């Protein structure tokens, strides 16, 4: 007889809380200000594609506003058409958790791709995504120098994630924290009546006026 329903995102939350408590690289992370999300991949017949992601709610360096530039054709002082550089400002709406607290990140896992990984692949993926979080925990992601600012050297990034996974396991965590990682999608469906989890919608960009942008981020005036 199957057990009661299983909340996958709550289990992920508990796992991340233990990881961040034990590993120095993640000590600045407040796992209560991360939303844990569970979504169905469009292509469910293959393990290829995204397994998980961390989405920041704020912009570079934790700014609440981002600026994009575009070229616009308009009449110049002489009346002839000229090309002008136009600045456009955006913000993101606040995202709240079930307890009403404003969140800084959304940690999403894709089903069934993430579920069908091996235990170590799942643990390493969790480390990979947590390591994306800015060490200042300001709502932005960790940024590396150069063009590949998201990962830096990808091989070194993955090696770091694997090292973090081994170090966490070496702390002898309660096996109940990661027991759910031992089951693939089919096994979870057989074990539990229902698999449930929180889901957060995609965070939209909201176009705002220059006046509001300067009110939210006064430092923009000097940029």
N, C-alpha and C. Protein backbone atom coordinates (compact mmCIF):
# COMPACT_ATOMS: atom_id res chain seq x y z
N UNK A 1 0.85 -1.19 0.00
CA UNK A 1 0.00 0.00 0.00
C UNK A 1 0.89 1.24 0.00
N UNK A 2 0.71 2.16 -0.97
CA UNK A 2 1.54 3.35 -1.02
C UNK A 2 1.38 4.22 0.22
N UNK A 3 2.43 4.99 0.56
CA UNK A 3 2.36 5.94 1.67
C UNK A 3 1.52 7.14 1.26
N UNK A 4 1.42 8.13 2.15
CA UNK A 4 0.71 9.37 1.85
C UNK A 4 1.49 10.17 0.82
N UNK A 5 0.96 11.33 0.45
CA UNK A 5 1.61 12.16 -0.56
C UNK A 5 2.98 12.65 -0.05
N UNK A 6 3.87 12.94 -1.00
CA UNK A 6 5.23 13.36 -0.66
C UNK A 6 5.48 14.74 -1.26
N UNK A 7 5.91 15.69 -0.41
CA UNK A 7 6.21 17.05 -0.85
C UNK A 7 7.69 17.12 -1.23
N UNK A 8 7.95 17.12 -2.52
CA UNK A 8 9.33 17.07 -3.00
C UNK A 8 10.08 18.37 -2.69
N UNK A 9 9.40 19.50 -2.80
CA UNK A 9 10.09 20.77 -2.57
C UNK A 9 10.40 20.99 -1.09
N UNK A 10 9.56 20.47 -0.21
CA UNK A 10 9.86 20.58 1.22
C UNK A 10 11.08 19.72 1.56
N UNK A 11 11.18 18.54 0.94
CA UNK A 11 12.35 17.69 1.15
C UNK A 11 13.61 18.37 0.61
N UNK A 12 13.50 19.05 -0.53
CA UNK A 12 14.64 19.77 -1.10
C UNK A 12 15.05 20.91 -0.18
N UNK A 13 14.09 21.60 0.40
CA UNK A 13 14.36 22.68 1.33
C UNK A 13 15.16 22.17 2.54
N UNK A 14 14.73 21.08 3.13
CA UNK A 14 15.42 20.52 4.29
C UNK A 14 16.84 20.10 3.94
N UNK A 15 17.01 19.53 2.75
CA UNK A 15 18.34 19.12 2.29
C UNK A 15 19.25 20.35 2.16
N UNK A 16 18.75 21.39 1.50
CA UNK A 16 19.56 22.60 1.31
C UNK A 16 19.89 23.27 2.64
N UNK A 17 18.96 23.24 3.57
CA UNK A 17 19.20 23.85 4.89
C UNK A 17 20.37 23.16 5.59
N UNK A 18 20.43 21.85 5.50
CA UNK A 18 21.52 21.11 6.14
C UNK A 18 22.84 21.37 5.43
N UNK A 19 22.82 21.39 4.09
CA UNK A 19 24.02 21.66 3.30
C UNK A 19 24.59 23.04 3.65
N UNK A 20 23.71 24.05 3.69
CA UNK A 20 24.17 25.42 3.92
C UNK A 20 24.64 25.62 5.37
N UNK A 21 24.13 24.84 6.27
CA UNK A 21 24.56 24.93 7.66
C UNK A 21 25.95 24.34 7.86
N UNK A 22 26.30 23.34 7.02
CA UNK A 22 27.53 22.59 7.24
C UNK A 22 28.71 23.01 6.37
N UNK A 23 28.45 23.60 5.21
CA UNK A 23 29.54 23.95 4.30
C UNK A 23 29.81 25.45 4.36
N UNK A 24 31.08 25.80 4.56
CA UNK A 24 31.44 27.21 4.75
C UNK A 24 31.09 28.07 3.54
N UNK A 25 31.16 27.51 2.33
CA UNK A 25 30.87 28.28 1.13
C UNK A 25 29.42 28.79 1.11
N UNK A 26 28.55 28.12 1.87
CA UNK A 26 27.13 28.45 1.83
C UNK A 26 26.60 29.02 3.14
N UNK A 27 27.50 29.37 4.05
CA UNK A 27 27.05 29.83 5.37
C UNK A 27 26.25 31.13 5.30
N UNK A 28 26.49 31.95 4.28
CA UNK A 28 25.76 33.22 4.16
C UNK A 28 24.38 33.06 3.55
N UNK A 29 24.05 31.86 3.11
CA UNK A 29 22.75 31.62 2.47
C UNK A 29 21.68 31.39 3.52
N UNK A 30 20.62 32.15 3.44
CA UNK A 30 19.44 31.94 4.28
C UNK A 30 18.44 31.12 3.48
N UNK A 31 18.37 29.85 3.76
CA UNK A 31 17.53 28.96 2.94
C UNK A 31 16.05 29.24 3.10
N UNK A 32 15.68 30.06 4.10
CA UNK A 32 14.27 30.43 4.27
C UNK A 32 13.86 31.51 3.27
N UNK A 33 14.85 32.14 2.62
CA UNK A 33 14.55 33.19 1.65
C UNK A 33 14.73 32.70 0.21
N UNK A 34 14.70 31.37 0.06
CA UNK A 34 14.72 30.73 -1.25
C UNK A 34 13.39 30.02 -1.44
N UNK A 35 12.79 30.20 -2.61
CA UNK A 35 11.58 29.45 -2.94
C UNK A 35 11.97 28.17 -3.66
N UNK A 36 11.40 27.06 -3.25
CA UNK A 36 11.73 25.76 -3.83
C UNK A 36 10.59 25.33 -4.73
N UNK A 37 10.92 25.07 -5.98
CA UNK A 37 9.91 24.89 -7.01
C UNK A 37 10.12 23.57 -7.74
N UNK A 38 9.03 23.01 -8.21
CA UNK A 38 9.02 21.69 -8.84
C UNK A 38 8.18 21.81 -10.10
N UNK A 39 8.79 21.61 -11.26
CA UNK A 39 8.04 21.77 -12.49
C UNK A 39 8.29 20.62 -13.45
N UNK A 40 7.36 20.44 -14.36
CA UNK A 40 7.42 19.34 -15.33
C UNK A 40 8.12 19.81 -16.59
N UNK A 41 9.15 19.07 -17.00
CA UNK A 41 9.86 19.39 -18.23
C UNK A 41 8.95 19.13 -19.43
N UNK A 42 9.10 19.94 -20.46
CA UNK A 42 8.28 19.74 -21.66
C UNK A 42 8.58 18.39 -22.30
N UNK A 43 9.86 18.07 -22.39
CA UNK A 43 10.25 16.78 -22.95
C UNK A 43 10.53 15.84 -21.79
N UNK A 44 9.62 14.92 -21.53
CA UNK A 44 9.74 14.02 -20.38
C UNK A 44 10.30 12.66 -20.74
N UNK A 45 10.69 12.47 -21.98
CA UNK A 45 11.14 11.15 -22.43
C UNK A 45 12.65 11.00 -22.43
N UNK A 46 13.37 12.06 -22.06
CA UNK A 46 14.83 12.00 -22.08
C UNK A 46 15.38 12.71 -20.86
N UNK A 47 16.60 12.35 -20.46
CA UNK A 47 17.24 13.03 -19.34
C UNK A 47 18.02 14.26 -19.81
N UNK A 48 18.08 14.45 -21.13
CA UNK A 48 18.84 15.58 -21.65
C UNK A 48 18.03 16.87 -21.51
N UNK A 49 18.75 17.96 -21.26
CA UNK A 49 18.11 19.24 -21.00
C UNK A 49 18.39 19.66 -19.58
N UNK A 50 17.75 20.75 -19.15
CA UNK A 50 18.00 21.25 -17.80
C UNK A 50 17.51 20.30 -16.72
N UNK A 51 18.27 20.19 -15.66
CA UNK A 51 17.89 19.37 -14.50
C UNK A 51 17.36 20.23 -13.37
N UNK A 52 17.97 21.39 -13.19
CA UNK A 52 17.59 22.29 -12.11
C UNK A 52 18.10 23.69 -12.43
N UNK A 53 17.62 24.67 -11.69
CA UNK A 53 18.09 26.05 -11.91
C UNK A 53 17.87 26.87 -10.64
N UNK A 54 18.69 27.90 -10.50
CA UNK A 54 18.47 28.91 -9.47
C UNK A 54 18.24 30.23 -10.19
N UNK A 55 17.11 30.85 -9.94
CA UNK A 55 16.76 32.12 -10.58
C UNK A 55 16.86 33.24 -9.55
N UNK A 56 17.69 34.26 -9.80
CA UNK A 56 17.76 35.39 -8.88
C UNK A 56 16.55 36.31 -9.06
N UNK A 57 16.09 36.90 -7.97
CA UNK A 57 14.95 37.80 -8.03
C UNK A 57 15.42 39.23 -8.28
N UNK A 58 16.69 39.53 -7.98
CA UNK A 58 17.24 40.86 -8.22
C UNK A 58 18.30 40.81 -9.31
N UNK A 59 18.91 41.97 -9.55
CA UNK A 59 19.84 42.10 -10.66
C UNK A 59 21.28 42.20 -10.15
N UNK A 60 22.18 42.58 -11.03
CA UNK A 60 23.61 42.60 -10.70
C UNK A 60 23.88 43.39 -9.42
N UNK A 61 24.67 42.77 -8.55
CA UNK A 61 25.03 43.34 -7.24
C UNK A 61 23.83 43.55 -6.33
N UNK A 62 22.74 42.86 -6.61
CA UNK A 62 21.56 42.97 -5.76
C UNK A 62 20.68 44.15 -6.04
N UNK A 63 20.90 44.84 -7.17
CA UNK A 63 20.10 46.00 -7.52
C UNK A 63 18.65 45.59 -7.78
N UNK A 64 17.72 46.47 -7.41
CA UNK A 64 16.30 46.21 -7.66
C UNK A 64 15.87 46.69 -9.04
N UNK A 65 16.79 47.32 -9.76
CA UNK A 65 16.49 47.87 -11.10
C UNK A 65 17.59 47.46 -12.07
N UNK A 66 17.21 47.17 -13.30
CA UNK A 66 18.20 46.94 -14.34
C UNK A 66 17.94 47.89 -15.50
N UNK A 67 18.99 48.20 -16.23
CA UNK A 67 18.90 49.16 -17.33
C UNK A 67 19.30 48.47 -18.62
N UNK A 68 18.49 48.64 -19.64
CA UNK A 68 18.82 48.13 -20.96
C UNK A 68 18.89 49.32 -21.92
N UNK A 69 19.78 49.24 -22.88
CA UNK A 69 19.91 50.32 -23.85
C UNK A 69 19.51 49.83 -25.24
N UNK A 70 18.87 50.72 -25.98
CA UNK A 70 18.52 50.40 -27.36
C UNK A 70 18.67 51.65 -28.22
N UNK A 71 18.85 51.43 -29.51
CA UNK A 71 18.96 52.55 -30.45
C UNK A 71 17.59 52.91 -30.99
N UNK A 72 17.32 54.20 -31.06
CA UNK A 72 16.01 54.66 -31.54
C UNK A 72 16.21 55.78 -32.56
N UNK A 73 15.47 55.71 -33.64
CA UNK A 73 15.55 56.75 -34.67
C UNK A 73 14.50 57.82 -34.37
N UNK A 74 14.95 59.07 -34.33
CA UNK A 74 14.04 60.18 -34.07
C UNK A 74 14.60 61.44 -34.73
N UNK A 75 13.78 62.47 -34.80
CA UNK A 75 14.21 63.75 -35.40
C UNK A 75 15.18 64.46 -34.47
N UNK A 76 16.31 64.92 -35.04
CA UNK A 76 17.29 65.64 -34.25
C UNK A 76 17.01 67.14 -34.26
N UNK A 77 17.90 67.94 -33.67
CA UNK A 77 17.71 69.40 -33.62
C UNK A 77 17.54 70.03 -34.99
N UNK A 78 18.17 69.42 -36.01
CA UNK A 78 18.07 69.98 -37.36
C UNK A 78 16.80 69.55 -38.06
N UNK A 79 16.05 68.64 -37.42
CA UNK A 79 14.84 68.13 -38.05
C UNK A 79 15.07 66.88 -38.86
N UNK A 80 16.35 66.53 -39.06
CA UNK A 80 16.66 65.32 -39.81
C UNK A 80 16.67 64.11 -38.87
N UNK A 81 16.32 62.93 -39.39
CA UNK A 81 16.34 61.72 -38.56
C UNK A 81 17.75 61.42 -38.04
N UNK A 82 17.84 61.12 -36.76
CA UNK A 82 19.11 60.75 -36.13
C UNK A 82 18.89 59.52 -35.26
N UNK A 83 20.02 58.86 -34.95
CA UNK A 83 19.96 57.67 -34.10
C UNK A 83 20.34 58.07 -32.68
N UNK A 84 19.46 57.77 -31.74
CA UNK A 84 19.69 58.09 -30.34
C UNK A 84 19.80 56.80 -29.52
N UNK A 85 20.60 56.86 -28.48
CA UNK A 85 20.68 55.74 -27.54
C UNK A 85 19.68 56.01 -26.42
N UNK A 86 18.77 55.06 -26.22
CA UNK A 86 17.71 55.22 -25.24
C UNK A 86 17.90 54.21 -24.10
N UNK A 87 17.74 54.68 -22.86
CA UNK A 87 17.85 53.80 -21.70
C UNK A 87 16.44 53.41 -21.24
N UNK A 88 16.26 52.11 -21.02
CA UNK A 88 14.97 51.60 -20.58
C UNK A 88 15.18 50.90 -19.24
N UNK A 89 14.28 51.14 -18.29
CA UNK A 89 14.45 50.64 -16.93
C UNK A 89 13.42 49.56 -16.62
N UNK A 90 13.87 48.55 -15.88
CA UNK A 90 12.99 47.46 -15.49
C UNK A 90 13.21 47.10 -14.03
N UNK A 91 12.18 46.58 -13.42
CA UNK A 91 12.28 45.98 -12.10
C UNK A 91 11.55 44.64 -12.14
N UNK A 92 11.71 43.85 -11.10
CA UNK A 92 10.93 42.62 -10.96
C UNK A 92 9.98 42.80 -9.80
N UNK A 93 8.77 42.26 -9.90
CA UNK A 93 7.85 42.35 -8.77
C UNK A 93 8.35 41.48 -7.62
N UNK A 94 8.01 41.80 -6.38
CA UNK A 94 8.44 40.97 -5.26
C UNK A 94 7.82 39.58 -5.34
N UNK A 95 8.58 38.59 -4.88
CA UNK A 95 8.11 37.21 -4.84
C UNK A 95 8.05 36.77 -3.38
N UNK A 96 6.92 36.24 -2.97
CA UNK A 96 6.73 35.88 -1.57
C UNK A 96 6.58 34.38 -1.40
N UNK A 97 7.11 33.89 -0.28
CA UNK A 97 6.94 32.49 0.08
C UNK A 97 5.62 32.28 0.79
N UNK A 98 5.34 31.02 1.15
CA UNK A 98 4.08 30.69 1.80
C UNK A 98 3.93 31.38 3.15
N UNK A 99 5.06 31.71 3.80
CA UNK A 99 5.00 32.36 5.11
C UNK A 99 4.96 33.89 5.00
N UNK A 100 4.89 34.41 3.77
CA UNK A 100 4.78 35.84 3.57
C UNK A 100 6.09 36.57 3.46
N UNK A 101 7.21 35.87 3.62
CA UNK A 101 8.51 36.54 3.52
C UNK A 101 8.90 36.75 2.06
N UNK A 102 9.56 37.86 1.78
CA UNK A 102 10.00 38.14 0.42
C UNK A 102 11.22 37.29 0.10
N UNK A 103 11.18 36.62 -1.04
CA UNK A 103 12.24 35.69 -1.44
C UNK A 103 13.27 36.39 -2.31
N UNK A 104 14.49 35.84 -2.30
CA UNK A 104 15.57 36.38 -3.12
C UNK A 104 15.94 35.46 -4.28
N UNK A 105 15.57 34.18 -4.19
CA UNK A 105 15.92 33.23 -5.24
C UNK A 105 14.81 32.18 -5.36
N UNK A 106 14.75 31.57 -6.54
CA UNK A 106 13.88 30.42 -6.77
C UNK A 106 14.75 29.25 -7.21
N UNK A 107 14.71 28.18 -6.47
CA UNK A 107 15.45 26.95 -6.79
C UNK A 107 14.44 25.98 -7.38
N UNK A 108 14.58 25.69 -8.66
CA UNK A 108 13.62 24.84 -9.37
C UNK A 108 14.27 23.54 -9.83
N UNK A 109 13.55 22.43 -9.64
CA UNK A 109 14.01 21.16 -10.20
C UNK A 109 13.01 20.70 -11.25
N UNK A 110 13.53 20.08 -12.31
CA UNK A 110 12.72 19.64 -13.42
C UNK A 110 12.40 18.16 -13.30
N UNK A 111 11.12 17.83 -13.37
CA UNK A 111 10.67 16.44 -13.35
C UNK A 111 10.31 16.02 -14.77
N UNK A 112 10.63 14.77 -15.16
CA UNK A 112 11.31 13.76 -14.33
C UNK A 112 12.84 13.76 -14.45
N UNK A 113 13.43 14.73 -15.18
CA UNK A 113 14.87 14.66 -15.45
C UNK A 113 15.69 14.60 -14.17
N UNK A 114 15.46 15.54 -13.25
CA UNK A 114 16.23 15.55 -12.01
C UNK A 114 15.98 14.27 -11.22
N UNK A 115 14.73 13.83 -11.17
CA UNK A 115 14.37 12.64 -10.39
C UNK A 115 15.08 11.39 -10.90
N UNK A 116 15.37 11.34 -12.18
CA UNK A 116 15.94 10.13 -12.77
C UNK A 116 17.46 10.12 -12.80
N UNK A 117 18.09 11.12 -12.19
CA UNK A 117 19.54 11.09 -12.05
C UNK A 117 19.94 10.12 -10.94
N UNK A 118 21.23 9.79 -10.92
CA UNK A 118 21.74 8.98 -9.80
C UNK A 118 21.78 9.85 -8.54
N UNK A 119 21.95 9.21 -7.39
CA UNK A 119 22.00 9.96 -6.13
C UNK A 119 23.12 11.01 -6.16
N UNK A 120 24.32 10.62 -6.58
CA UNK A 120 25.43 11.56 -6.60
C UNK A 120 25.22 12.67 -7.62
N UNK A 121 24.60 12.35 -8.74
CA UNK A 121 24.30 13.39 -9.73
C UNK A 121 23.32 14.41 -9.14
N UNK A 122 22.36 13.93 -8.38
CA UNK A 122 21.39 14.85 -7.75
C UNK A 122 22.08 15.72 -6.71
N UNK A 123 22.92 15.12 -5.88
CA UNK A 123 23.62 15.89 -4.85
C UNK A 123 24.54 16.93 -5.51
N UNK A 124 25.27 16.52 -6.53
CA UNK A 124 26.17 17.45 -7.22
C UNK A 124 25.39 18.57 -7.91
N UNK A 125 24.19 18.26 -8.40
CA UNK A 125 23.36 19.28 -9.03
C UNK A 125 22.89 20.30 -8.00
N UNK A 126 22.53 19.83 -6.82
CA UNK A 126 22.15 20.75 -5.74
C UNK A 126 23.32 21.68 -5.42
N UNK A 127 24.53 21.12 -5.31
CA UNK A 127 25.71 21.94 -5.03
C UNK A 127 25.97 22.93 -6.17
N UNK A 128 25.82 22.46 -7.39
CA UNK A 128 26.01 23.31 -8.57
C UNK A 128 25.10 24.53 -8.50
N UNK A 129 23.83 24.31 -8.18
CA UNK A 129 22.88 25.41 -8.17
C UNK A 129 23.09 26.34 -6.97
N UNK A 130 23.37 25.78 -5.80
CA UNK A 130 23.62 26.63 -4.64
C UNK A 130 24.87 27.49 -4.84
N UNK A 131 25.85 26.96 -5.56
CA UNK A 131 27.09 27.70 -5.78
C UNK A 131 26.87 28.86 -6.75
N UNK A 132 25.76 28.85 -7.48
CA UNK A 132 25.42 29.99 -8.35
C UNK A 132 25.01 31.21 -7.53
N UNK A 133 24.60 31.03 -6.29
CA UNK A 133 24.11 32.14 -5.47
C UNK A 133 25.28 33.04 -5.06
N UNK A 134 25.11 34.34 -5.24
CA UNK A 134 26.14 35.30 -4.86
C UNK A 134 26.53 35.09 -3.39
N UNK A 135 27.83 35.02 -3.08
CA UNK A 135 28.25 34.82 -1.69
C UNK A 135 27.70 35.88 -0.73
N UNK A 136 27.35 37.06 -1.27
CA UNK A 136 26.77 38.11 -0.42
C UNK A 136 25.28 37.89 -0.18
N UNK A 137 24.70 36.90 -0.82
CA UNK A 137 23.28 36.57 -0.70
C UNK A 137 22.42 37.83 -0.84
N UNK A 138 22.59 38.49 -1.98
CA UNK A 138 21.94 39.77 -2.22
C UNK A 138 20.86 39.71 -3.30
N UNK A 139 20.48 38.50 -3.72
CA UNK A 139 19.48 38.36 -4.76
C UNK A 139 20.05 38.25 -6.15
N UNK A 140 21.39 38.34 -6.28
CA UNK A 140 22.07 38.19 -7.57
C UNK A 140 22.78 36.84 -7.59
N UNK A 141 23.33 36.49 -8.75
CA UNK A 141 24.10 35.26 -8.88
C UNK A 141 25.59 35.55 -8.74
N UNK A 142 26.34 34.50 -8.47
CA UNK A 142 27.81 34.60 -8.46
C UNK A 142 28.27 34.91 -9.88
N UNK A 143 29.16 35.88 -10.03
CA UNK A 143 29.62 36.29 -11.36
C UNK A 143 31.13 36.10 -11.48
N UNK A 144 31.54 35.46 -12.56
CA UNK A 144 32.95 35.21 -12.83
C UNK A 144 33.45 36.21 -13.86
N UNK A 145 34.74 36.53 -13.86
CA UNK A 145 35.27 37.45 -14.87
C UNK A 145 35.26 36.82 -16.26
N UNK A 146 35.17 37.65 -17.27
CA UNK A 146 35.22 37.15 -18.64
C UNK A 146 33.86 36.91 -19.23
N UNK A 147 33.85 36.37 -20.42
CA UNK A 147 32.61 36.17 -21.17
C UNK A 147 31.71 35.12 -20.51
N UNK A 148 32.30 34.05 -19.99
CA UNK A 148 31.50 33.01 -19.36
C UNK A 148 31.31 33.35 -17.88
N UNK A 149 30.58 34.47 -17.64
CA UNK A 149 30.46 34.99 -16.28
C UNK A 149 29.61 34.10 -15.37
N UNK A 150 28.82 33.21 -15.95
CA UNK A 150 27.95 32.37 -15.12
C UNK A 150 28.70 31.21 -14.46
N UNK A 151 29.70 30.67 -15.16
CA UNK A 151 30.42 29.51 -14.63
C UNK A 151 31.93 29.69 -14.57
N UNK A 152 32.47 30.68 -15.26
CA UNK A 152 33.91 30.75 -15.38
C UNK A 152 34.39 29.57 -16.20
N UNK A 153 35.38 28.85 -15.70
CA UNK A 153 35.82 27.61 -16.33
C UNK A 153 34.84 26.50 -15.94
N UNK A 154 34.08 25.98 -16.91
CA UNK A 154 33.02 25.03 -16.62
C UNK A 154 33.55 23.77 -15.97
N UNK A 155 34.70 23.30 -16.43
CA UNK A 155 35.27 22.08 -15.85
C UNK A 155 35.62 22.30 -14.38
N UNK A 156 36.19 23.46 -14.08
CA UNK A 156 36.53 23.78 -12.69
C UNK A 156 35.27 23.97 -11.85
N UNK A 157 34.23 24.54 -12.46
CA UNK A 157 32.97 24.75 -11.74
C UNK A 157 32.36 23.41 -11.34
N UNK A 158 32.32 22.48 -12.28
CA UNK A 158 31.75 21.16 -11.99
C UNK A 158 32.59 20.41 -10.96
N UNK A 159 33.90 20.56 -11.04
CA UNK A 159 34.78 19.92 -10.05
C UNK A 159 34.50 20.48 -8.66
N UNK A 160 34.24 21.78 -8.57
CA UNK A 160 33.91 22.41 -7.29
C UNK A 160 32.61 21.85 -6.74
N UNK A 161 31.61 21.71 -7.60
CA UNK A 161 30.32 21.16 -7.17
C UNK A 161 30.48 19.73 -6.64
N UNK A 162 31.28 18.92 -7.34
CA UNK A 162 31.51 17.55 -6.91
C UNK A 162 32.26 17.51 -5.58
N UNK A 163 33.21 18.41 -5.41
CA UNK A 163 33.96 18.49 -4.15
C UNK A 163 33.03 18.86 -3.00
N UNK A 164 32.12 19.80 -3.24
CA UNK A 164 31.17 20.20 -2.21
C UNK A 164 30.25 19.04 -1.84
N UNK A 165 29.85 18.26 -2.84
CA UNK A 165 29.00 17.10 -2.58
C UNK A 165 29.71 16.08 -1.70
N UNK A 166 30.97 15.80 -1.99
CA UNK A 166 31.74 14.84 -1.19
C UNK A 166 31.94 15.36 0.23
N UNK A 167 32.22 16.66 0.36
CA UNK A 167 32.44 17.23 1.68
C UNK A 167 31.17 17.18 2.53
N UNK A 168 30.03 17.43 1.89
CA UNK A 168 28.78 17.36 2.66
C UNK A 168 28.52 15.94 3.13
N UNK A 169 28.70 14.97 2.27
CA UNK A 169 28.49 13.57 2.67
C UNK A 169 29.45 13.16 3.77
N UNK A 170 30.65 13.74 3.77
CA UNK A 170 31.64 13.42 4.79
C UNK A 170 31.23 13.94 6.18
N UNK A 171 30.25 14.85 6.23
CA UNK A 171 29.75 15.34 7.53
C UNK A 171 28.79 14.35 8.16
N UNK A 172 28.55 13.23 7.50
CA UNK A 172 27.64 12.19 7.98
C UNK A 172 26.24 12.74 8.25
N UNK A 173 25.61 13.30 7.22
CA UNK A 173 24.26 13.85 7.41
C UNK A 173 23.24 12.75 7.69
N UNK A 174 22.16 13.12 8.31
CA UNK A 174 21.07 12.18 8.58
C UNK A 174 20.60 11.57 7.26
N UNK A 175 20.67 10.26 7.10
CA UNK A 175 20.27 9.63 5.82
C UNK A 175 18.85 9.98 5.40
N UNK A 176 18.00 10.32 6.35
CA UNK A 176 16.61 10.65 6.01
C UNK A 176 16.53 11.94 5.20
N UNK A 177 17.58 12.79 5.31
CA UNK A 177 17.58 14.04 4.56
C UNK A 177 17.67 13.83 3.05
N UNK A 178 18.37 12.79 2.66
CA UNK A 178 18.54 12.57 1.21
C UNK A 178 18.03 11.21 0.75
N UNK A 179 17.22 10.57 1.58
CA UNK A 179 16.63 9.29 1.16
C UNK A 179 15.79 9.45 -0.09
N UNK A 180 15.09 10.60 -0.20
CA UNK A 180 14.22 10.80 -1.37
C UNK A 180 15.01 10.84 -2.67
N UNK A 181 16.30 11.16 -2.60
CA UNK A 181 17.13 11.20 -3.80
C UNK A 181 17.44 9.81 -4.35
N UNK A 182 17.21 8.81 -3.54
CA UNK A 182 17.50 7.43 -3.96
C UNK A 182 16.46 6.89 -4.94
N UNK A 183 15.32 7.57 -5.04
CA UNK A 183 14.23 7.07 -5.87
C UNK A 183 14.13 7.86 -7.17
N UNK A 184 13.92 7.14 -8.26
CA UNK A 184 13.65 7.82 -9.52
C UNK A 184 12.15 8.12 -9.61
N UNK A 185 11.72 8.71 -10.71
CA UNK A 185 10.33 9.14 -10.84
C UNK A 185 9.36 7.97 -10.70
N UNK A 186 9.66 6.86 -11.37
CA UNK A 186 8.76 5.71 -11.32
C UNK A 186 8.69 5.13 -9.92
N UNK A 187 9.82 5.05 -9.24
CA UNK A 187 9.85 4.49 -7.88
C UNK A 187 9.11 5.39 -6.88
N UNK A 188 9.23 6.70 -7.06
CA UNK A 188 8.50 7.61 -6.19
C UNK A 188 6.99 7.47 -6.38
N UNK A 189 6.57 7.31 -7.62
CA UNK A 189 5.13 7.15 -7.90
C UNK A 189 4.60 5.86 -7.28
N UNK A 190 5.45 4.83 -7.23
CA UNK A 190 5.04 3.56 -6.63
C UNK A 190 5.00 3.63 -5.11
N UNK A 191 5.87 4.46 -4.54
CA UNK A 191 6.01 4.53 -3.08
C UNK A 191 4.97 5.44 -2.44
N UNK A 192 4.62 6.55 -3.13
CA UNK A 192 3.73 7.53 -2.54
C UNK A 192 2.44 7.67 -3.33
N UNK A 193 1.38 8.07 -2.61
CA UNK A 193 0.09 8.27 -3.25
C UNK A 193 0.17 9.38 -4.29
N UNK A 194 0.80 10.50 -3.90
CA UNK A 194 0.95 11.64 -4.80
C UNK A 194 2.27 12.34 -4.53
N UNK A 195 2.91 12.82 -5.59
CA UNK A 195 4.11 13.65 -5.48
C UNK A 195 3.66 15.09 -5.69
N UNK A 196 3.90 15.93 -4.69
CA UNK A 196 3.46 17.32 -4.77
C UNK A 196 4.66 18.24 -4.56
N UNK A 197 4.46 19.51 -4.78
CA UNK A 197 5.52 20.48 -4.56
C UNK A 197 5.06 21.87 -4.93
N UNK A 198 5.73 22.87 -4.39
CA UNK A 198 5.41 24.25 -4.72
C UNK A 198 5.86 24.56 -6.15
N UNK A 199 5.22 25.54 -6.74
CA UNK A 199 5.60 25.97 -8.08
C UNK A 199 5.52 27.48 -8.13
N UNK A 200 6.58 28.11 -8.64
CA UNK A 200 6.61 29.56 -8.78
C UNK A 200 6.59 29.91 -10.26
N UNK A 201 5.78 30.89 -10.64
CA UNK A 201 5.75 31.29 -12.05
C UNK A 201 7.05 31.99 -12.44
N UNK A 202 7.26 32.10 -13.73
CA UNK A 202 8.42 32.82 -14.23
C UNK A 202 8.36 34.27 -13.76
N UNK A 203 9.51 34.80 -13.32
CA UNK A 203 9.56 36.16 -12.80
C UNK A 203 9.60 37.15 -13.97
N UNK A 204 8.62 38.02 -14.09
CA UNK A 204 8.58 38.94 -15.25
C UNK A 204 9.44 40.17 -15.02
N UNK A 205 9.84 40.80 -16.11
CA UNK A 205 10.45 42.13 -16.06
C UNK A 205 9.35 43.16 -16.24
N UNK A 206 9.31 44.13 -15.34
CA UNK A 206 8.28 45.18 -15.40
C UNK A 206 8.93 46.49 -15.82
N UNK A 207 8.45 47.04 -16.93
CA UNK A 207 8.98 48.31 -17.45
C UNK A 207 8.56 49.44 -16.52
N UNK A 208 9.51 50.26 -16.09
CA UNK A 208 9.22 51.38 -15.18
C UNK A 208 9.80 52.67 -15.75
N UNK A 209 9.33 53.79 -15.24
CA UNK A 209 9.81 55.09 -15.70
C UNK A 209 11.19 55.37 -15.12
N UNK A 210 11.89 56.33 -15.74
CA UNK A 210 13.19 56.74 -15.22
C UNK A 210 13.04 57.31 -13.81
N UNK A 211 11.96 58.03 -13.58
CA UNK A 211 11.72 58.61 -12.26
C UNK A 211 11.64 57.53 -11.18
N UNK A 212 10.86 56.48 -11.47
CA UNK A 212 10.73 55.39 -10.48
C UNK A 212 12.05 54.65 -10.31
N UNK A 213 12.78 54.46 -11.42
CA UNK A 213 14.08 53.78 -11.34
C UNK A 213 15.04 54.53 -10.43
N UNK A 214 15.09 55.86 -10.56
CA UNK A 214 15.98 56.67 -9.73
C UNK A 214 15.51 56.69 -8.28
N UNK A 215 14.21 56.56 -8.07
CA UNK A 215 13.70 56.51 -6.70
C UNK A 215 14.10 55.19 -6.02
N UNK A 216 14.01 54.10 -6.79
CA UNK A 216 14.36 52.79 -6.24
C UNK A 216 15.87 52.62 -6.09
N UNK A 217 16.63 53.16 -7.05
CA UNK A 217 18.09 53.03 -7.04
C UNK A 217 18.71 54.40 -7.32
N UNK A 218 18.85 55.24 -6.32
CA UNK A 218 19.41 56.59 -6.54
C UNK A 218 20.77 56.58 -7.22
N UNK A 219 21.56 55.52 -7.02
CA UNK A 219 22.87 55.45 -7.61
C UNK A 219 22.87 55.39 -9.12
N UNK A 220 21.72 55.12 -9.72
CA UNK A 220 21.64 55.06 -11.18
C UNK A 220 21.93 56.41 -11.82
N UNK A 221 21.70 57.49 -11.12
CA UNK A 221 21.92 58.82 -11.67
C UNK A 221 23.39 59.05 -12.03
N UNK A 222 24.28 58.37 -11.34
CA UNK A 222 25.71 58.60 -11.57
C UNK A 222 26.31 57.60 -12.53
N UNK A 223 25.51 56.68 -13.03
CA UNK A 223 26.05 55.66 -13.94
C UNK A 223 25.99 56.13 -15.39
